[in-house]
Amino acid sequence: MLKEERHQTILSEVELHNRILLTDIAEALDVSIDTVRRDVKELDSDNKLRKVHGGAISLGFRSNSTRNDNIYKLDQKIKIAEKALALLKDGGVIFLDGGTTCLELARLIPANLDLTCFTHSLPVAMELLTKSNITVILVGGQVSRESQISIGANAIHNLSEIKVDYSFIGTGYVDSYYGLTEFDWDIVQVKKAIIKSSKKSVLLSISEKLNSQHRYKTCDINAINTMITELEPENELLKPFRNHDIRLI
């Protein structure tokens, strides 16, 4: 495989999943980790991604309350966020996960909606603070430098003491059989705690992530009450999910 082809594969993977591991890409491309490491360094120098320890993250993943034009499939994520707005009610108590789609939802919440919102994401919290009717409660813990979310024992303990109406969560990988999975063990533990703290959990995911999986399991697909994609619920790509007890929007 030519270097240009490797670079395109790396960029496609990091844009879709936000973060990648060098070991995974090396295995997928059937090249050495040193080769992938050099590729990632070049792509970082070209300002196409950000190299981090053991992997890389997309430019849109590390963001703040200022809109980032490097967000992958932004139009699709905005459409998902717009659908999710229909679940929000005055006086509601919700949890917003980290990640680019949840950040779009935070941006779209009407300023006059009265909500209490828990989050472990610094960018989401900063966005919500621009809306005077929203009570923002940041779930504390060790902060991940890459994803800018709270992780670890403190975050999990804090989540165990709340019960929200809806949690809106993202995922790196989702499959109708394997459920929600990630490559980061710490993030999986926090997502498990988020789901446990929720009366209903809502997955926000672009359809490109469907039928993908990784090594650490967050939950079965039936642990999710609702899945929102940019697709219409009748779309053929969603057929495997219609066999499960899950609402499709």
C-alpha atoms as a PDB file:
ATOM      1  CA  MET A   1       0.000   0.000   0.000  1.00  0.00           C
ATOM      2  CA  LEU A   2       1.286   3.423  -0.950  1.00  0.00           C
ATOM      3  CA  LYS A   3       1.930   6.008   1.729  1.00  0.00           C
ATOM      4  CA  GLU A   4      -0.867   8.195   0.390  1.00  0.00           C
ATOM      5  CA  GLU A   5      -3.313   5.294   0.725  1.00  0.00           C
ATOM      6  CA  ARG A   6      -2.169   4.631   4.293  1.00  0.00           C
ATOM      7  CA  HIS A   7      -2.616   8.300   5.145  1.00  0.00           C
ATOM      8  CA  GLN A   8      -6.156   8.309   3.742  1.00  0.00           C
ATOM      9  CA  THR A   9      -7.062   5.176   5.708  1.00  0.00           C
ATOM     10  CA  ILE A  10      -5.684   6.670   8.921  1.00  0.00           C
ATOM     11  CA  LEU A  11      -7.573   9.932   8.383  1.00  0.00           C
ATOM     12  CA  SER A  12     -10.818   8.096   7.587  1.00  0.00           C
ATOM     13  CA  GLU A  13     -10.587   6.044  10.760  1.00  0.00           C
ATOM     14  CA  VAL A  14      -9.681   8.929  13.045  1.00  0.00           C
ATOM     15  CA  GLU A  15     -12.450  11.122  11.600  1.00  0.00           C
ATOM     16  CA  LEU A  16     -15.080   8.421  12.045  1.00  0.00           C
ATOM     17  CA  HIS A  17     -14.129   7.220  15.515  1.00  0.00           C
ATOM     18  CA  ASN A  18     -12.495  10.448  16.827  1.00  0.00           C
ATOM     19  CA  ARG A  19      -9.581   8.487  18.271  1.00  0.00           C
ATOM     20  CA  ILE A  20      -7.476   5.584  17.035  1.00  0.00           C
ATOM     21  CA  LEU A  21      -4.726   3.359  18.383  1.00  0.00           C
ATOM     22  CA  LEU A  22      -1.486   2.865  16.460  1.00  0.00           C
ATOM     23  CA  THR A  23      -1.687  -0.890  17.103  1.00  0.00           C
ATOM     24  CA  ASP A  24      -5.135  -1.145  15.521  1.00  0.00           C
ATOM     25  CA  ILE A  25      -4.119   0.754  12.400  1.00  0.00           C
ATOM     26  CA  ALA A  26      -0.891  -1.210  12.034  1.00  0.00           C
ATOM     27  CA  GLU A  27      -2.886  -4.452  12.177  1.00  0.00           C
ATOM     28  CA  ALA A  28      -5.517  -3.213   9.727  1.00  0.00           C
ATOM     29  CA  LEU A  29      -2.883  -2.032   7.232  1.00  0.00           C
ATOM     30  CA  ASP A  30      -0.569  -5.000   7.865  1.00  0.00           C
ATOM     31  CA  VAL A  31       2.434  -2.733   8.477  1.00  0.00           C
ATOM     32  CA  SER A  32       4.712  -2.124  11.437  1.00  0.00           C
ATOM     33  CA  ILE A  33       3.770   0.196  14.291  1.00  0.00           C
ATOM     34  CA  ASP A  34       6.869   2.257  13.452  1.00  0.00           C
ATOM     35  CA  THR A  35       5.488   2.844   9.944  1.00  0.00           C
ATOM     36  CA  VAL A  36       2.122   3.966  11.327  1.00  0.00           C
ATOM     37  CA  ARG A  37       3.847   6.151  13.904  1.00  0.00           C
ATOM     38  CA  ARG A  38       5.767   7.937  11.132  1.00  0.00           C
ATOM     39  CA  ASP A  39       2.557   8.349   9.133  1.00  0.00           C
ATOM     40  CA  VAL A  40       0.755   9.852  12.116  1.00  0.00           C
ATOM     41  CA  LYS A  41       3.656  12.230  12.793  1.00  0.00           C
ATOM     42  CA  GLU A  42       3.513  13.439   9.182  1.00  0.00           C
ATOM     43  CA  LEU A  43      -0.258  13.929   9.343  1.00  0.00           C
ATOM     44  CA  ASP A  44       0.145  15.832  12.595  1.00  0.00           C
ATOM     45  CA  SER A  45       2.769  18.070  10.998  1.00  0.00           C
ATOM     46  CA  ASP A  46       0.353  18.716   8.131  1.00  0.00           C
ATOM     47  CA  ASN A  47      -2.306  19.698  10.694  1.00  0.00           C
ATOM     48  CA  LYS A  48      -4.680  16.917   9.623  1.00  0.00           C
ATOM     49  CA  LEU A  49      -4.919  15.212  13.028  1.00  0.00           C
ATOM     50  CA  ARG A  50      -3.329  15.378  16.483  1.00  0.00           C
ATOM     51  CA  LYS A  51      -0.788  12.773  17.586  1.00  0.00           C
ATOM     52  CA  VAL A  52      -1.269  11.570  21.174  1.00  0.00           C
ATOM     53  CA  HIS A  53       0.396   8.853  23.226  1.00  0.00           C
ATOM     54  CA  GLY A  54      -0.242   5.523  21.511  1.00  0.00           C
ATOM     55  CA  GLY A  55      -2.515   6.917  18.839  1.00  0.00           C
ATOM     56  CA  ALA A  56      -4.148   9.978  17.312  1.00  0.00           C
ATOM     57  CA  ILE A  57      -7.282  12.099  17.703  1.00  0.00           C
ATOM     58  CA  SER A  58      -9.259  14.104  15.171  1.00  0.00           C
ATOM     59  CA  LEU A  59      -8.946  17.866  15.059  1.00  0.00           C
ATOM     60  CA  GLY A  60     -12.648  18.205  15.832  1.00  0.00           C
ATOM     61  CA  PHE A  61     -12.500  15.994  18.930  1.00  0.00           C
ATOM     62  CA  ARG A  62     -10.511  18.411  21.053  1.00  0.00           C
ATOM     63  CA  SER A  63     -12.802  21.385  20.988  1.00  0.00           C
ATOM     64  CA  ASN A  64     -14.295  24.155  23.091  1.00  0.00           C
ATOM     65  CA  SER A  65     -17.402  26.337  22.997  1.00  0.00           C
ATOM     66  CA  THR A  66     -16.212  27.982  19.772  1.00  0.00           C
ATOM     67  CA  ARG A  67     -17.515  26.093  16.746  1.00  0.00           C
ATOM     68  CA  ASN A  68     -14.859  23.899  15.182  1.00  0.00           C
ATOM     69  CA  ASP A  69     -15.055  23.617  11.383  1.00  0.00           C
ATOM     70  CA  ASN A  70     -13.061  20.350  11.430  1.00  0.00           C
ATOM     71  CA  ILE A  71     -15.889  18.229  12.872  1.00  0.00           C
ATOM     72  CA  TYR A  72     -16.460  15.125  10.759  1.00  0.00           C
ATOM     73  CA  LYS A  73     -19.932  14.781   9.164  1.00  0.00           C
ATOM     74  CA  LEU A  74     -21.107  17.914  10.975  1.00  0.00           C
ATOM     75  CA  ASP A  75     -24.363  18.154   8.981  1.00  0.00           C
ATOM     76  CA  GLN A  76     -25.323  14.617  10.008  1.00  0.00           C
ATOM     77  CA  LYS A  77     -24.492  15.295  13.648  1.00  0.00           C
ATOM     78  CA  ILE A  78     -26.578  18.473  13.643  1.00  0.00           C
ATOM     79  CA  LYS A  79     -29.523  16.502  12.211  1.00  0.00           C
ATOM     80  CA  ILE A  80     -29.157  13.935  15.010  1.00  0.00           C
ATOM     81  CA  ALA A  81     -29.018  16.697  17.622  1.00  0.00           C
ATOM     82  CA  GLU A  82     -32.139  18.318  16.152  1.00  0.00           C
ATOM     83  CA  LYS A  83     -34.019  15.012  16.495  1.00  0.00           C
ATOM     84  CA  ALA A  84     -32.845  14.647  20.116  1.00  0.00           C
ATOM     85  CA  LEU A  85     -34.290  18.050  21.022  1.00  0.00           C
ATOM     86  CA  ALA A  86     -37.801  16.543  20.832  1.00  0.00           C
ATOM     87  CA  LEU A  87     -37.036  14.485  23.955  1.00  0.00           C
ATOM     88  CA  LEU A  88     -36.244  17.537  26.096  1.00  0.00           C
ATOM     89  CA  LYS A  89     -38.975  18.933  28.360  1.00  0.00           C
ATOM     90  CA  ASP A  90     -39.184  21.908  30.718  1.00  0.00           C
ATOM     91  CA  GLY A  91     -38.065  20.890  34.194  1.00  0.00           C
ATOM     92  CA  GLY A  92     -36.206  17.846  32.924  1.00  0.00           C
ATOM     93  CA  VAL A  93     -32.997  16.418  34.372  1.00  0.00           C
ATOM     94  CA  ILE A  94     -30.591  15.042  31.777  1.00  0.00           C
ATOM     95  CA  PHE A  95     -27.006  13.903  31.302  1.00  0.00           C
ATOM     96  CA  LEU A  96     -24.950  14.937  28.278  1.00  0.00           C
ATOM     97  CA  ASP A  97     -21.941  12.835  27.309  1.00  0.00           C
ATOM     98  CA  GLY A  98     -18.788  14.183  25.712  1.00  0.00           C
ATOM     99  CA  GLY A  99     -18.038  14.024  22.001  1.00  0.00           C
ATOM    100  CA  THR A 100     -18.913  16.114  18.990  1.00  0.00           C
ATOM    101  CA  THR A 101     -22.550  15.052  18.536  1.00  0.00           C
ATOM    102  CA  CYS A 102     -23.442  15.719  22.170  1.00  0.00           C
ATOM    103  CA  LEU A 103     -21.716  19.099  21.874  1.00  0.00           C
ATOM    104  CA  GLU A 104     -23.966  19.923  18.911  1.00  0.00           C
ATOM    105  CA  LEU A 105     -26.988  19.005  21.041  1.00  0.00           C
ATOM    106  CA  ALA A 106     -25.750  21.324  23.804  1.00  0.00           C
ATOM    107  CA  ARG A 107     -25.442  24.150  21.249  1.00  0.00           C
ATOM    108  CA  LEU A 108     -28.985  23.617  19.941  1.00  0.00           C
ATOM    109  CA  ILE A 109     -30.817  23.502  23.286  1.00  0.00           C
ATOM    110  CA  PRO A 110     -33.172  26.508  23.324  1.00  0.00           C
ATOM    111  CA  ALA A 111     -32.105  29.284  25.691  1.00  0.00           C
ATOM    112  CA  ASN A 112     -35.583  29.447  27.242  1.00  0.00           C
ATOM    113  CA  LEU A 113     -35.768  25.739  28.119  1.00  0.00           C
ATOM    114  CA  ASP A 114     -35.593  25.096  31.873  1.00  0.00           C
ATOM    115  CA  LEU A 115     -33.269  22.124  32.387  1.00  0.00           C
ATOM    116  CA  THR A 116     -30.869  20.610  34.882  1.00  0.00           C
ATOM    117  CA  CYS A 117     -27.990  19.100  32.969  1.00  0.00           C
ATOM    118  CA  PHE A 118     -25.246  16.892  34.358  1.00  0.00           C
ATOM    119  CA  THR A 119     -22.149  16.372  32.222  1.00  0.00           C
ATOM    120  CA  HIS A 120     -18.590  15.131  32.592  1.00  0.00           C
ATOM    121  CA  SER A 121     -17.455  17.006  29.481  1.00  0.00           C
ATOM    122  CA  LEU A 122     -15.653  20.326  29.821  1.00  0.00           C
ATOM    123  CA  PRO A 123     -16.615  21.553  26.306  1.00  0.00           C
ATOM    124  CA  VAL A 124     -20.277  20.609  26.859  1.00  0.00           C
ATOM    125  CA  ALA A 125     -20.330  22.346  30.250  1.00  0.00           C
ATOM    126  CA  MET A 126     -18.837  25.513  28.766  1.00  0.00           C
ATOM    127  CA  GLU A 127     -21.445  25.549  26.010  1.00  0.00           C
ATOM    128  CA  LEU A 128     -24.335  24.991  28.426  1.00  0.00           C
ATOM    129  CA  LEU A 129     -23.148  27.848  30.626  1.00  0.00           C
ATOM    130  CA  THR A 130     -24.094  30.260  27.828  1.00  0.00           C
ATOM    131  CA  LYS A 131     -27.776  29.407  28.459  1.00  0.00           C
ATOM    132  CA  SER A 132     -29.138  31.126  31.568  1.00  0.00           C
ATOM    133  CA  ASN A 133     -32.101  28.758  32.125  1.00  0.00           C
ATOM    134  CA  ILE A 134     -29.932  25.638  32.341  1.00  0.00           C
ATOM    135  CA  THR A 135     -28.496  24.508  35.654  1.00  0.00           C
ATOM    136  CA  VAL A 136     -25.150  22.926  34.811  1.00  0.00           C
ATOM    137  CA  ILE A 137     -23.624  20.320  37.149  1.00  0.00           C
ATOM    138  CA  LEU A 138     -20.155  19.108  36.225  1.00  0.00           C
ATOM    139  CA  VAL A 139     -19.402  15.542  37.283  1.00  0.00           C
ATOM    140  CA  GLY A 140     -15.854  15.676  38.608  1.00  0.00           C
ATOM    141  CA  GLY A 141     -12.955  13.281  38.392  1.00  0.00           C
ATOM    142  CA  GLN A 142      -9.642  12.831  36.629  1.00  0.00           C
ATOM    143  CA  VAL A 143      -9.823  14.740  33.330  1.00  0.00           C
ATOM    144  CA  SER A 144      -8.767  12.949  30.153  1.00  0.00           C
ATOM    145  CA  ARG A 145      -6.466  15.202  28.146  1.00  0.00           C
ATOM    146  CA  GLU A 146      -7.633  13.728  24.834  1.00  0.00           C
ATOM    147  CA  SER A 147     -11.419  13.643  25.294  1.00  0.00           C
ATOM    148  CA  GLN A 148     -11.701  16.409  27.937  1.00  0.00           C
ATOM    149  CA  ILE A 149     -14.102  14.355  30.057  1.00  0.00           C
ATOM    150  CA  SER A 150     -13.976  13.206  33.677  1.00  0.00           C
ATOM    151  CA  ILE A 151     -12.991   9.564  34.132  1.00  0.00           C
ATOM    152  CA  GLY A 152     -11.922   7.334  36.996  1.00  0.00           C
ATOM    153  CA  ALA A 153     -13.266   6.300  40.383  1.00  0.00           C
ATOM    154  CA  ASN A 154     -14.465   9.765  41.471  1.00  0.00           C
ATOM    155  CA  ALA A 155     -16.534  10.258  38.321  1.00  0.00           C
ATOM    156  CA  ILE A 156     -18.062   6.788  38.638  1.00  0.00           C
ATOM    157  CA  HIS A 157     -18.894   7.358  42.324  1.00  0.00           C
ATOM    158  CA  ASN A 158     -20.511  10.726  41.583  1.00  0.00           C
ATOM    159  CA  LEU A 159     -22.619   9.176  38.829  1.00  0.00           C
ATOM    160  CA  SER A 160     -23.828   6.457  41.212  1.00  0.00           C
ATOM    161  CA  GLU A 161     -25.546   9.115  43.339  1.00  0.00           C
ATOM    162  CA  ILE A 162     -27.767  10.629  40.632  1.00  0.00           C
ATOM    163  CA  LYS A 163     -30.744   9.501  38.533  1.00  0.00           C
ATOM    164  CA  VAL A 164     -31.521  11.476  35.382  1.00  0.00           C
ATOM    165  CA  ASP A 165     -34.550  11.291  33.078  1.00  0.00           C
ATOM    166  CA  TYR A 166     -32.452  10.853  29.942  1.00  0.00           C
ATOM    167  CA  SER A 167     -28.774  10.402  29.269  1.00  0.00           C
ATOM    168  CA  PHE A 168     -27.592  11.308  25.792  1.00  0.00           C
ATOM    169  CA  ILE A 169     -24.453   9.349  25.003  1.00  0.00           C
ATOM    170  CA  GLY A 170     -22.104   8.747  22.107  1.00  0.00           C
ATOM    171  CA  THR A 171     -20.061   5.689  21.256  1.00  0.00           C
ATOM    172  CA  GLY A 172     -17.037   4.807  19.180  1.00  0.00           C
ATOM    173  CA  TYR A 173     -18.610   1.636  17.816  1.00  0.00           C
ATOM    174  CA  VAL A 174     -22.128   0.158  17.703  1.00  0.00           C
ATOM    175  CA  ASP A 175     -23.462  -3.151  16.432  1.00  0.00           C
ATOM    176  CA  SER A 176     -26.878  -4.804  16.734  1.00  0.00           C
ATOM    177  CA  TYR A 177     -25.276  -8.020  18.043  1.00  0.00           C
ATOM    178  CA  TYR A 178     -22.220  -6.821  19.982  1.00  0.00           C
ATOM    179  CA  GLY A 179     -23.825  -3.651  21.341  1.00  0.00           C
ATOM    180  CA  LEU A 180     -21.793  -0.550  22.215  1.00  0.00           C
ATOM    181  CA  THR A 181     -18.011  -0.943  22.380  1.00  0.00           C
ATOM    182  CA  GLU A 182     -14.896   1.209  22.766  1.00  0.00           C
ATOM    183  CA  PHE A 183     -11.133   0.710  22.792  1.00  0.00           C
ATOM    184  CA  ASP A 184     -10.665   2.758  25.991  1.00  0.00           C
ATOM    185  CA  TRP A 185     -11.320   0.769  29.178  1.00  0.00           C
ATOM    186  CA  ASP A 186     -11.626   3.858  31.401  1.00  0.00           C
ATOM    187  CA  ILE A 187     -14.242   5.456  29.162  1.00  0.00           C
ATOM    188  CA  VAL A 188     -16.234   2.210  29.074  1.00  0.00           C
ATOM    189  CA  GLN A 189     -16.434   2.177  32.884  1.00  0.00           C
ATOM    190  CA  VAL A 190     -17.748   5.748  32.951  1.00  0.00           C
ATOM    191  CA  LYS A 191     -20.310   5.036  30.212  1.00  0.00           C
ATOM    192  CA  LYS A 192     -21.548   2.010  32.169  1.00  0.00           C
ATOM    193  CA  ALA A 193     -22.067   4.296  35.177  1.00  0.00           C
ATOM    194  CA  ILE A 194     -23.872   6.880  33.023  1.00  0.00           C
ATOM    195  CA  ILE A 195     -26.310   4.273  31.707  1.00  0.00           C
ATOM    196  CA  LYS A 196     -26.919   2.949  35.239  1.00  0.00           C
ATOM    197  CA  SER A 197     -27.685   6.484  36.450  1.00  0.00           C
ATOM    198  CA  SER A 198     -30.345   7.016  33.758  1.00  0.00           C
ATOM    199  CA  LYS A 199     -34.019   6.162  33.584  1.00  0.00           C
ATOM    200  CA  LYS A 200     -33.595   6.049  29.816  1.00  0.00           C
ATOM    201  CA  SER A 201     -30.416   6.161  27.718  1.00  0.00           C
ATOM    202  CA  VAL A 202     -30.348   7.678  24.242  1.00  0.00           C
ATOM    203  CA  LEU A 203     -27.552   6.816  21.812  1.00  0.00           C
ATOM    204  CA  LEU A 204     -26.567   9.522  19.326  1.00  0.00           C
ATOM    205  CA  SER A 205     -24.604   7.991  16.446  1.00  0.00           C
ATOM    206  CA  ILE A 206     -23.973   8.685  12.784  1.00  0.00           C
ATOM    207  CA  SER A 207     -24.921   5.695  10.635  1.00  0.00           C
ATOM    208  CA  GLU A 208     -21.340   5.209   9.454  1.00  0.00           C
ATOM    209  CA  LYS A 209     -20.567   3.721  12.875  1.00  0.00           C
ATOM    210  CA  LEU A 210     -23.235   1.020  12.538  1.00  0.00           C
ATOM    211  CA  ASN A 211     -22.001  -2.575  12.345  1.00  0.00           C
ATOM    212  CA  SER A 212     -18.621  -1.768  13.912  1.00  0.00           C
ATOM    213  CA  GLN A 213     -17.084  -3.101  17.099  1.00  0.00           C
ATOM    214  CA  HIS A 214     -13.989  -2.934  19.307  1.00  0.00           C
ATOM    215  CA  ARG A 215     -12.533  -4.812  22.257  1.00  0.00           C
ATOM    216  CA  TYR A 216     -14.273  -3.391  25.372  1.00  0.00           C
ATOM    217  CA  LYS A 217     -18.025  -3.670  25.757  1.00  0.00           C
ATOM    218  CA  THR A 218     -20.073  -0.814  27.208  1.00  0.00           C
ATOM    219  CA  CYS A 219     -23.473  -2.541  27.080  1.00  0.00           C
ATOM    220  CA  ASP A 220     -25.851  -4.688  25.048  1.00  0.00           C
ATOM    221  CA  ILE A 221     -27.906  -2.803  22.487  1.00  0.00           C
ATOM    222  CA  ASN A 222     -31.062  -3.493  24.557  1.00  0.00           C
ATOM    223  CA  ALA A 223     -29.598  -1.445  27.421  1.00  0.00           C
ATOM    224  CA  ILE A 224     -30.229   1.591  25.221  1.00  0.00           C
ATOM    225  CA  ASN A 225     -33.801   2.852  25.162  1.00  0.00           C
ATOM    226  CA  THR A 226     -33.499   4.975  21.995  1.00  0.00           C
ATOM    227  CA  MET A 227     -31.022   5.252  19.126  1.00  0.00           C
ATOM    228  CA  ILE A 228     -30.956   8.397  17.012  1.00  0.00           C
ATOM    229  CA  THR A 229     -29.133   8.509  13.677  1.00  0.00           C
ATOM    230  CA  GLU A 230     -29.378  10.884  10.733  1.00  0.00           C
ATOM    231  CA  LEU A 231     -31.367   8.199   8.874  1.00  0.00           C
ATOM    232  CA  GLU A 232     -35.111   7.725   8.756  1.00  0.00           C
ATOM    233  CA  PRO A 233     -36.161   4.897  11.130  1.00  0.00           C
ATOM    234  CA  GLU A 234     -37.377   2.814   8.160  1.00  0.00           C
ATOM    235  CA  ASN A 235     -33.963   2.864   6.474  1.00  0.00           C
ATOM    236  CA  GLU A 236     -32.685  -0.578   5.487  1.00  0.00           C
ATOM    237  CA  LEU A 237     -29.392  -0.022   7.352  1.00  0.00           C
ATOM    238  CA  LEU A 238     -31.350   0.005  10.609  1.00  0.00           C
ATOM    239  CA  LYS A 239     -33.103  -3.329   9.927  1.00  0.00           C
ATOM    240  CA  PRO A 240     -30.864  -5.375  12.313  1.00  0.00           C
ATOM    241  CA  PHE A 241     -31.715  -2.975  15.145  1.00  0.00           C
ATOM    242  CA  ARG A 242     -35.459  -3.339  14.608  1.00  0.00           C
ATOM    243  CA  ASN A 243     -35.190  -6.889  15.941  1.00  0.00           C
ATOM    244  CA  HIS A 244     -34.327  -5.470  19.371  1.00  0.00           C
ATOM    245  CA  ASP A 245     -36.282  -3.662  22.054  1.00  0.00           C
ATOM    246  CA  ILE A 246     -34.986  -0.249  21.058  1.00  0.00           C
ATOM    247  CA  ARG A 247     -36.717   2.869  19.748  1.00  0.00           C
ATOM    248  CA  LEU A 248     -35.319   4.239  16.496  1.00  0.00           C
ATOM    249  CA  ILE A 249     -35.589   7.927  15.675  1.00  0.00           C
END
